[in-house]
Amino acid sequence: MQSPKVDGALCEVCEEEPAIARCRICGRLVCARDFEASLGICRVCLSTLCQICHERLAVGHCARCGRLVCRRDSVRVGLSRYCIDCARALGILPATRQGEVGDPDYPG
């Protein structure tokens, strides 16, 4: 758990409990109840986290499966957004090859 840099600060989510950690995504100071220690993020960011990578905040839902997806793990087709898994299943994206989007080692 990361220690907050402000002594005596209250949680920025509930504004009731003492802050014990800082969210790695948004930087909020949060209490133990509003902190997901395994991911190092607050409950607010957890509720909007991409359900593919579990690292970045989502920008929308997949039109096919409904999962929350970030820009990197989704594609837009017209006004719809699809997760990379559904995009492959629908033939919008080719099957994953090493070094492409969807490859766990993809740098982008």
N, C-alpha and C. Protein backbone atom coordinates (compact mmCIF):
# COMPACT_ATOMS: atom_id res chain seq x y z
N MET A 1 0.82 -1.17 0.00
CA MET A 1 0.00 0.00 0.00
C MET A 1 0.87 1.24 0.00
N GLN A 2 0.48 2.23 -0.77
CA GLN A 2 1.24 3.47 -0.84
C GLN A 2 0.77 4.40 0.27
N SER A 3 1.70 5.09 0.91
CA SER A 3 1.34 6.04 1.96
C SER A 3 0.99 7.38 1.34
N PRO A 4 -0.08 8.01 1.82
CA PRO A 4 -0.41 9.34 1.32
C PRO A 4 0.64 10.34 1.77
N LYS A 5 0.81 11.39 1.00
CA LYS A 5 1.81 12.41 1.32
C LYS A 5 1.24 13.49 2.22
N VAL A 6 -0.07 13.47 2.47
CA VAL A 6 -0.70 14.49 3.30
C VAL A 6 -1.15 13.84 4.60
N ASP A 7 -0.54 14.22 5.72
CA ASP A 7 -0.90 13.67 7.02
C ASP A 7 -2.28 14.17 7.44
N GLY A 8 -3.08 13.27 8.00
CA GLY A 8 -4.39 13.65 8.50
C GLY A 8 -5.44 13.89 7.44
N ALA A 9 -5.16 13.55 6.19
CA ALA A 9 -6.12 13.78 5.11
C ALA A 9 -7.27 12.79 5.20
N LEU A 10 -8.44 13.25 4.80
CA LEU A 10 -9.60 12.37 4.73
C LEU A 10 -9.67 11.75 3.34
N CYS A 11 -10.33 10.61 3.27
CA CYS A 11 -10.57 9.93 2.00
C CYS A 11 -11.30 10.88 1.05
N GLU A 12 -10.84 10.98 -0.19
CA GLU A 12 -11.46 11.86 -1.16
C GLU A 12 -12.68 11.24 -1.82
N VAL A 13 -13.00 9.99 -1.48
CA VAL A 13 -14.21 9.34 -2.01
C VAL A 13 -15.34 9.46 -0.99
N CYS A 14 -15.13 8.96 0.22
CA CYS A 14 -16.20 9.00 1.24
C CYS A 14 -16.17 10.26 2.09
N GLU A 15 -15.03 10.92 2.16
CA GLU A 15 -14.84 12.13 2.97
C GLU A 15 -15.15 11.91 4.45
N GLU A 16 -14.98 10.65 4.92
CA GLU A 16 -15.25 10.33 6.32
C GLU A 16 -14.08 9.66 7.01
N GLU A 17 -13.47 8.70 6.36
CA GLU A 17 -12.40 7.90 6.96
C GLU A 17 -11.03 8.52 6.63
N PRO A 18 -10.02 8.24 7.45
CA PRO A 18 -8.67 8.73 7.15
C PRO A 18 -8.11 8.06 5.89
N ALA A 19 -7.43 8.83 5.08
CA ALA A 19 -6.81 8.30 3.86
C ALA A 19 -5.58 7.48 4.23
N ILE A 20 -5.43 6.33 3.57
CA ILE A 20 -4.28 5.46 3.86
C ILE A 20 -3.47 5.14 2.60
N ALA A 21 -3.99 5.50 1.43
CA ALA A 21 -3.30 5.17 0.18
C ALA A 21 -3.67 6.18 -0.90
N ARG A 22 -2.87 6.18 -1.98
CA ARG A 22 -3.12 7.05 -3.12
C ARG A 22 -3.38 6.17 -4.34
N CYS A 23 -4.44 6.44 -5.08
CA CYS A 23 -4.78 5.68 -6.29
C CYS A 23 -3.71 5.90 -7.35
N ARG A 24 -3.22 4.82 -7.97
CA ARG A 24 -2.17 4.92 -8.98
C ARG A 24 -2.68 5.51 -10.29
N ILE A 25 -4.00 5.53 -10.50
CA ILE A 25 -4.54 6.07 -11.75
C ILE A 25 -4.91 7.55 -11.61
N CYS A 26 -5.77 7.87 -10.65
CA CYS A 26 -6.28 9.25 -10.54
C CYS A 26 -5.56 10.08 -9.48
N GLY A 27 -4.83 9.43 -8.58
CA GLY A 27 -4.11 10.15 -7.54
C GLY A 27 -4.92 10.51 -6.32
N ARG A 28 -6.19 10.08 -6.25
CA ARG A 28 -7.00 10.37 -5.07
C ARG A 28 -6.40 9.73 -3.82
N LEU A 29 -6.51 10.43 -2.70
CA LEU A 29 -6.18 9.85 -1.40
C LEU A 29 -7.43 9.12 -0.92
N VAL A 30 -7.29 7.84 -0.56
CA VAL A 30 -8.47 7.04 -0.22
C VAL A 30 -8.26 6.22 1.05
N CYS A 31 -9.38 5.88 1.68
CA CYS A 31 -9.37 5.04 2.89
C CYS A 31 -9.29 3.57 2.49
N ALA A 32 -9.12 2.71 3.47
CA ALA A 32 -9.01 1.27 3.21
C ALA A 32 -10.25 0.72 2.53
N ARG A 33 -11.42 1.21 2.90
CA ARG A 33 -12.68 0.72 2.32
C ARG A 33 -12.81 1.09 0.84
N ASP A 34 -12.25 2.22 0.44
CA ASP A 34 -12.37 2.69 -0.94
C ASP A 34 -11.11 2.43 -1.76
N PHE A 35 -10.27 1.50 -1.32
CA PHE A 35 -9.02 1.20 -2.02
C PHE A 35 -8.95 -0.28 -2.35
N GLU A 36 -8.68 -0.61 -3.59
CA GLU A 36 -8.48 -1.99 -4.03
C GLU A 36 -6.98 -2.24 -4.05
N ALA A 37 -6.47 -2.77 -2.94
CA ALA A 37 -5.02 -2.90 -2.75
C ALA A 37 -4.36 -3.79 -3.80
N SER A 38 -5.04 -4.84 -4.25
CA SER A 38 -4.43 -5.75 -5.22
C SER A 38 -4.11 -5.06 -6.54
N LEU A 39 -4.86 -4.01 -6.89
CA LEU A 39 -4.63 -3.27 -8.12
C LEU A 39 -4.00 -1.90 -7.87
N GLY A 40 -4.02 -1.45 -6.63
CA GLY A 40 -3.47 -0.14 -6.29
C GLY A 40 -4.33 1.02 -6.76
N ILE A 41 -5.65 0.79 -6.85
CA ILE A 41 -6.55 1.83 -7.35
C ILE A 41 -7.75 2.03 -6.42
N CYS A 42 -8.39 3.18 -6.57
CA CYS A 42 -9.57 3.49 -5.77
C CYS A 42 -10.80 2.82 -6.37
N ARG A 43 -11.87 2.77 -5.61
CA ARG A 43 -13.12 2.15 -6.06
C ARG A 43 -13.74 2.89 -7.24
N VAL A 44 -13.52 4.19 -7.34
CA VAL A 44 -14.06 4.96 -8.46
C VAL A 44 -13.40 4.49 -9.75
N CYS A 45 -12.08 4.40 -9.76
CA CYS A 45 -11.36 3.94 -10.96
C CYS A 45 -11.68 2.47 -11.24
N LEU A 46 -11.83 1.66 -10.20
CA LEU A 46 -12.16 0.25 -10.38
C LEU A 46 -13.47 0.08 -11.14
N SER A 47 -14.43 0.94 -10.87
CA SER A 47 -15.74 0.83 -11.52
C SER A 47 -15.70 1.22 -12.99
N THR A 48 -14.62 1.87 -13.43
CA THR A 48 -14.52 2.28 -14.83
C THR A 48 -13.29 1.70 -15.52
N LEU A 49 -12.73 0.64 -14.96
CA LEU A 49 -11.52 0.02 -15.50
C LEU A 49 -11.86 -0.87 -16.70
N CYS A 50 -11.00 -0.85 -17.71
CA CYS A 50 -11.16 -1.71 -18.88
C CYS A 50 -11.22 -3.16 -18.43
N GLN A 51 -12.20 -3.90 -18.90
CA GLN A 51 -12.36 -5.30 -18.51
C GLN A 51 -11.54 -6.26 -19.37
N ILE A 52 -10.75 -5.72 -20.29
CA ILE A 52 -9.84 -6.55 -21.09
C ILE A 52 -8.44 -6.51 -20.46
N CYS A 53 -7.87 -5.31 -20.32
CA CYS A 53 -6.49 -5.19 -19.83
C CYS A 53 -6.39 -5.00 -18.32
N HIS A 54 -7.44 -4.50 -17.68
CA HIS A 54 -7.45 -4.21 -16.24
C HIS A 54 -6.34 -3.23 -15.85
N GLU A 55 -5.96 -2.34 -16.78
CA GLU A 55 -4.90 -1.36 -16.51
C GLU A 55 -5.35 0.08 -16.76
N ARG A 56 -6.12 0.29 -17.82
CA ARG A 56 -6.50 1.64 -18.23
C ARG A 56 -8.00 1.87 -18.02
N LEU A 57 -8.38 3.14 -17.94
CA LEU A 57 -9.79 3.47 -17.80
C LEU A 57 -10.52 3.23 -19.11
N ALA A 58 -11.76 2.80 -19.01
CA ALA A 58 -12.57 2.50 -20.18
C ALA A 58 -13.06 3.79 -20.85
N VAL A 59 -13.30 3.69 -22.15
CA VAL A 59 -13.87 4.80 -22.90
C VAL A 59 -15.28 4.47 -23.39
N GLY A 60 -15.71 3.24 -23.18
CA GLY A 60 -17.05 2.84 -23.61
C GLY A 60 -17.29 1.35 -23.38
N HIS A 61 -18.42 0.88 -23.89
CA HIS A 61 -18.81 -0.53 -23.79
C HIS A 61 -18.73 -1.19 -25.16
N CYS A 62 -18.42 -2.47 -25.19
CA CYS A 62 -18.46 -3.23 -26.43
C CYS A 62 -19.93 -3.38 -26.84
N ALA A 63 -20.23 -3.10 -28.10
CA ALA A 63 -21.60 -3.19 -28.60
C ALA A 63 -22.11 -4.62 -28.64
N ARG A 64 -21.21 -5.59 -28.64
CA ARG A 64 -21.61 -7.00 -28.72
C ARG A 64 -21.72 -7.66 -27.35
N CYS A 65 -20.68 -7.58 -26.53
CA CYS A 65 -20.67 -8.30 -25.24
C CYS A 65 -20.93 -7.40 -24.04
N GLY A 66 -20.83 -6.09 -24.21
CA GLY A 66 -21.12 -5.16 -23.13
C GLY A 66 -19.99 -4.86 -22.17
N ARG A 67 -18.81 -5.47 -22.39
CA ARG A 67 -17.69 -5.21 -21.47
C ARG A 67 -17.19 -3.78 -21.61
N LEU A 68 -16.69 -3.22 -20.50
CA LEU A 68 -16.04 -1.92 -20.53
C LEU A 68 -14.70 -2.08 -21.24
N VAL A 69 -14.38 -1.17 -22.17
CA VAL A 69 -13.14 -1.28 -22.94
C VAL A 69 -12.43 0.06 -23.05
N CYS A 70 -11.09 0.00 -23.07
CA CYS A 70 -10.27 1.19 -23.28
C CYS A 70 -10.03 1.36 -24.79
N ARG A 71 -9.40 2.45 -25.18
CA ARG A 71 -9.12 2.69 -26.60
C ARG A 71 -8.22 1.62 -27.21
N ARG A 72 -7.22 1.20 -26.47
CA ARG A 72 -6.27 0.23 -27.01
C ARG A 72 -6.90 -1.14 -27.25
N ASP A 73 -7.83 -1.52 -26.41
CA ASP A 73 -8.42 -2.85 -26.50
C ASP A 73 -9.79 -2.86 -27.17
N SER A 74 -10.03 -1.87 -28.02
CA SER A 74 -11.29 -1.80 -28.75
C SER A 74 -11.08 -1.16 -30.11
N VAL A 75 -12.07 -1.35 -30.97
CA VAL A 75 -12.06 -0.71 -32.29
C VAL A 75 -13.42 -0.07 -32.51
N ARG A 76 -13.42 1.01 -33.27
CA ARG A 76 -14.68 1.67 -33.61
C ARG A 76 -15.05 1.31 -35.03
N VAL A 77 -16.31 1.01 -35.21
CA VAL A 77 -16.87 0.75 -36.53
C VAL A 77 -18.11 1.62 -36.61
N GLY A 78 -18.03 2.69 -37.40
CA GLY A 78 -19.12 3.65 -37.42
C GLY A 78 -19.26 4.28 -36.05
N LEU A 79 -20.45 4.21 -35.49
CA LEU A 79 -20.70 4.77 -34.16
C LEU A 79 -20.57 3.72 -33.06
N SER A 80 -20.27 2.48 -33.43
CA SER A 80 -20.17 1.40 -32.44
C SER A 80 -18.72 1.13 -32.06
N ARG A 81 -18.53 0.63 -30.86
CA ARG A 81 -17.21 0.23 -30.38
C ARG A 81 -17.29 -1.24 -30.01
N TYR A 82 -16.28 -2.02 -30.43
CA TYR A 82 -16.21 -3.45 -30.13
C TYR A 82 -14.91 -3.76 -29.41
N CYS A 83 -14.97 -4.68 -28.43
CA CYS A 83 -13.73 -5.12 -27.80
C CYS A 83 -12.95 -5.92 -28.83
N ILE A 84 -11.66 -6.09 -28.62
CA ILE A 84 -10.84 -6.78 -29.61
C ILE A 84 -11.26 -8.24 -29.77
N ASP A 85 -11.78 -8.87 -28.72
CA ASP A 85 -12.23 -10.26 -28.83
C ASP A 85 -13.44 -10.36 -29.76
N CYS A 86 -14.43 -9.51 -29.55
CA CYS A 86 -15.63 -9.53 -30.40
C CYS A 86 -15.30 -9.08 -31.82
N ALA A 87 -14.40 -8.11 -31.95
CA ALA A 87 -14.00 -7.65 -33.28
C ALA A 87 -13.38 -8.79 -34.08
N ARG A 88 -12.58 -9.62 -33.43
CA ARG A 88 -12.01 -10.79 -34.11
C ARG A 88 -13.10 -11.80 -34.47
N ALA A 89 -14.01 -12.05 -33.53
CA ALA A 89 -15.09 -13.01 -33.77
C ALA A 89 -15.99 -12.57 -34.92
N LEU A 90 -16.15 -11.27 -35.08
CA LEU A 90 -16.98 -10.73 -36.17
C LEU A 90 -16.21 -10.53 -37.47
N GLY A 91 -14.90 -10.78 -37.45
CA GLY A 91 -14.08 -10.61 -38.64
C GLY A 91 -13.66 -9.18 -38.90
N ILE A 92 -13.84 -8.30 -37.92
CA ILE A 92 -13.44 -6.90 -38.07
C ILE A 92 -11.93 -6.78 -37.94
N LEU A 93 -11.35 -7.56 -37.04
CA LEU A 93 -9.89 -7.63 -36.85
C LEU A 93 -9.41 -9.02 -37.23
N PRO A 94 -8.21 -9.12 -37.79
CA PRO A 94 -7.66 -10.46 -38.06
C PRO A 94 -7.26 -11.14 -36.75
N ALA A 95 -7.03 -12.43 -36.82
CA ALA A 95 -6.55 -13.17 -35.64
C ALA A 95 -5.25 -12.54 -35.17
N THR A 96 -4.99 -12.60 -33.88
CA THR A 96 -3.80 -11.98 -33.29
C THR A 96 -2.53 -12.63 -33.79
N ARG A 97 -1.59 -11.79 -34.17
CA ARG A 97 -0.23 -12.25 -34.48
C ARG A 97 0.69 -11.53 -33.54
N GLN A 98 1.84 -12.09 -33.28
CA GLN A 98 2.78 -11.48 -32.34
C GLN A 98 3.10 -10.06 -32.79
N GLY A 99 3.03 -9.12 -31.83
CA GLY A 99 3.35 -7.72 -32.11
C GLY A 99 2.16 -6.89 -32.53
N GLU A 100 0.95 -7.46 -32.55
CA GLU A 100 -0.23 -6.70 -32.94
C GLU A 100 -1.07 -6.37 -31.72
N VAL A 101 -2.04 -5.50 -31.92
CA VAL A 101 -2.99 -5.17 -30.86
C VAL A 101 -3.63 -6.47 -30.39
N GLY A 102 -3.72 -6.63 -29.09
CA GLY A 102 -4.28 -7.85 -28.52
C GLY A 102 -3.22 -8.82 -28.05
N ASP A 103 -2.02 -8.70 -28.64
CA ASP A 103 -0.90 -9.51 -28.17
C ASP A 103 -0.48 -8.94 -26.82
N PRO A 104 -0.36 -9.77 -25.78
CA PRO A 104 0.00 -9.24 -24.46
C PRO A 104 1.31 -8.46 -24.43
N ASP A 105 2.20 -8.72 -25.38
CA ASP A 105 3.49 -8.03 -25.42
C ASP A 105 3.47 -6.81 -26.34
N TYR A 106 2.30 -6.48 -26.90
CA TYR A 106 2.19 -5.33 -27.79
C TYR A 106 2.52 -4.05 -27.03
N PRO A 107 3.46 -3.25 -27.54
CA PRO A 107 3.91 -2.06 -26.79
C PRO A 107 2.95 -0.89 -26.85
N GLY A 108 2.06 -0.83 -27.79
CA GLY A 108 1.23 0.36 -27.99
C GLY A 108 0.12 0.48 -27.14
